[in-house]
Structures are given as C-alpha cells and as structure tokens.
Protein backbone atom coordinates (compact mmCIF):
# COMPACT_ATOMS: atom_id res chain seq x y z
CA UNK A 1 10.20 -41.48 26.26
CA UNK A 2 12.44 -40.67 29.13
CA UNK A 3 11.13 -39.16 32.37
CA UNK A 4 11.67 -35.52 31.23
CA UNK A 5 9.79 -36.15 28.02
CA UNK A 6 6.97 -37.71 30.01
CA UNK A 7 6.92 -34.66 32.30
CA UNK A 8 6.73 -32.07 29.51
CA UNK A 9 4.94 -34.15 26.87
CA UNK A 10 7.36 -33.19 24.10
CA UNK A 11 11.09 -33.24 23.81
CA UNK A 12 12.88 -29.91 24.08
CA UNK A 13 13.85 -30.31 20.46
CA UNK A 14 10.21 -30.68 19.42
CA UNK A 15 9.22 -27.64 21.48
CA UNK A 16 12.00 -25.58 19.91
CA UNK A 17 10.90 -26.73 16.45
CA UNK A 18 7.33 -25.68 17.25
CA UNK A 19 8.52 -22.25 18.39
CA UNK A 20 10.69 -21.83 15.29
CA UNK A 21 7.78 -22.85 13.11
CA UNK A 22 5.53 -20.28 14.79
CA UNK A 23 8.07 -17.53 14.20
CA UNK A 24 8.54 -18.62 10.58
CA UNK A 25 4.77 -18.50 10.06
CA UNK A 26 4.61 -15.02 11.63
CA UNK A 27 7.51 -13.89 9.43
CA UNK A 28 5.88 -15.26 6.27
CA UNK A 29 2.56 -13.59 7.09
CA UNK A 30 4.29 -10.27 7.78
CA UNK A 31 6.20 -10.47 4.48
CA UNK A 32 2.95 -11.19 2.63
CA UNK A 33 1.23 -8.27 4.37
CA UNK A 34 4.08 -5.90 3.48
CA UNK A 35 3.90 -7.01 -0.14
CA UNK A 36 0.15 -6.38 -0.24
CA UNK A 37 0.62 -2.94 1.32
CA UNK A 38 3.32 -2.08 -1.23
CA UNK A 39 0.95 -3.12 -4.03
CA UNK A 40 -1.80 -0.92 -2.57
CA UNK A 41 0.60 2.01 -2.25
CA UNK A 42 1.60 1.64 -5.91
CA UNK A 43 -2.05 1.45 -6.92
CA UNK A 44 -2.90 4.61 -4.96
CA UNK A 45 0.14 6.45 -6.35
CA UNK A 46 -1.08 5.68 -9.88
CA UNK A 47 -4.52 6.99 -8.96
CA UNK A 48 -2.95 10.20 -7.63
CA UNK A 49 -0.94 10.65 -10.85
CA UNK A 50 -4.11 10.24 -12.91
CA UNK A 51 -5.99 12.77 -10.77
CA UNK A 52 -3.07 15.23 -10.99
CA UNK A 53 -3.14 14.89 -14.77
CA UNK A 54 -6.89 15.54 -14.80
CA UNK A 55 -6.38 18.63 -12.61
CA UNK A 56 -3.76 19.98 -15.04
CA UNK A 57 -6.16 19.45 -17.94
CA UNK A 58 -8.90 21.31 -16.10
CA UNK A 59 -6.51 24.15 -15.21
CA UNK A 60 -5.50 24.47 -18.87
CA UNK A 61 -9.12 24.64 -20.00
CA UNK A 62 -9.87 27.13 -17.22
CA UNK A 63 -6.97 29.33 -18.40
CA UNK A 64 -8.35 29.22 -21.93
CA UNK A 65 -11.82 30.13 -20.66
CA UNK A 66 -10.41 33.03 -18.62
CA UNK A 67 -8.55 34.30 -21.68
CA UNK A 68 -11.73 34.00 -23.76
CA UNK A 69 -13.75 35.92 -21.14
CA UNK A 70 -11.05 38.59 -21.01
CA UNK A 71 -11.12 38.96 -24.78
CA UNK A 72 -14.91 39.24 -24.72
CA UNK A 73 -14.76 41.91 -22.02
CA UNK A 74 -12.35 44.01 -24.11
CA UNK A 75 -14.62 43.75 -27.11
CA UNK A 76 -17.77 44.60 -25.15
CA UNK A 77 -16.35 47.58 -23.27
C-alpha cells in the first residue's frame, strides 16, 4: 500500500465500490418493497371488488323485500 492507502485504510477505488454497493443494496430493497406494496394494493382492490359485489347482492335482495312489503301493504289495506 502506498502512503495514502495507509492513511485511509482503503483505496479510493475500494471506498467508491463500497458506496456504490450500498446504494445498489438500498435500490434493490426499495424495488422489493415497492413490489410488495403493489401486490398488497392488488390484493386489497380484489377484496374491495368482492365487497362491492356483496353489497349489490344485498341491495337487490333488499329491493325485492321492499317490493314484497309494498305488495303486502296493498293487500292488507
């Protein structure tokens, strides 16, 4: 090692490689996190669609029940 390498412990090239590696690791982790979040969003969107479908089914049955009650009222009055 030359005197600068002795002073800093690593060559500038090694330090730069370490920094680049750290940024690459951070990038990879962020990409993985984004992918997981996108998967969770898709999962939740599917849950919402299912719930919306269930609500429509309930509303249809409720409309039928209201019609039935209305018909009964007209017969009983």
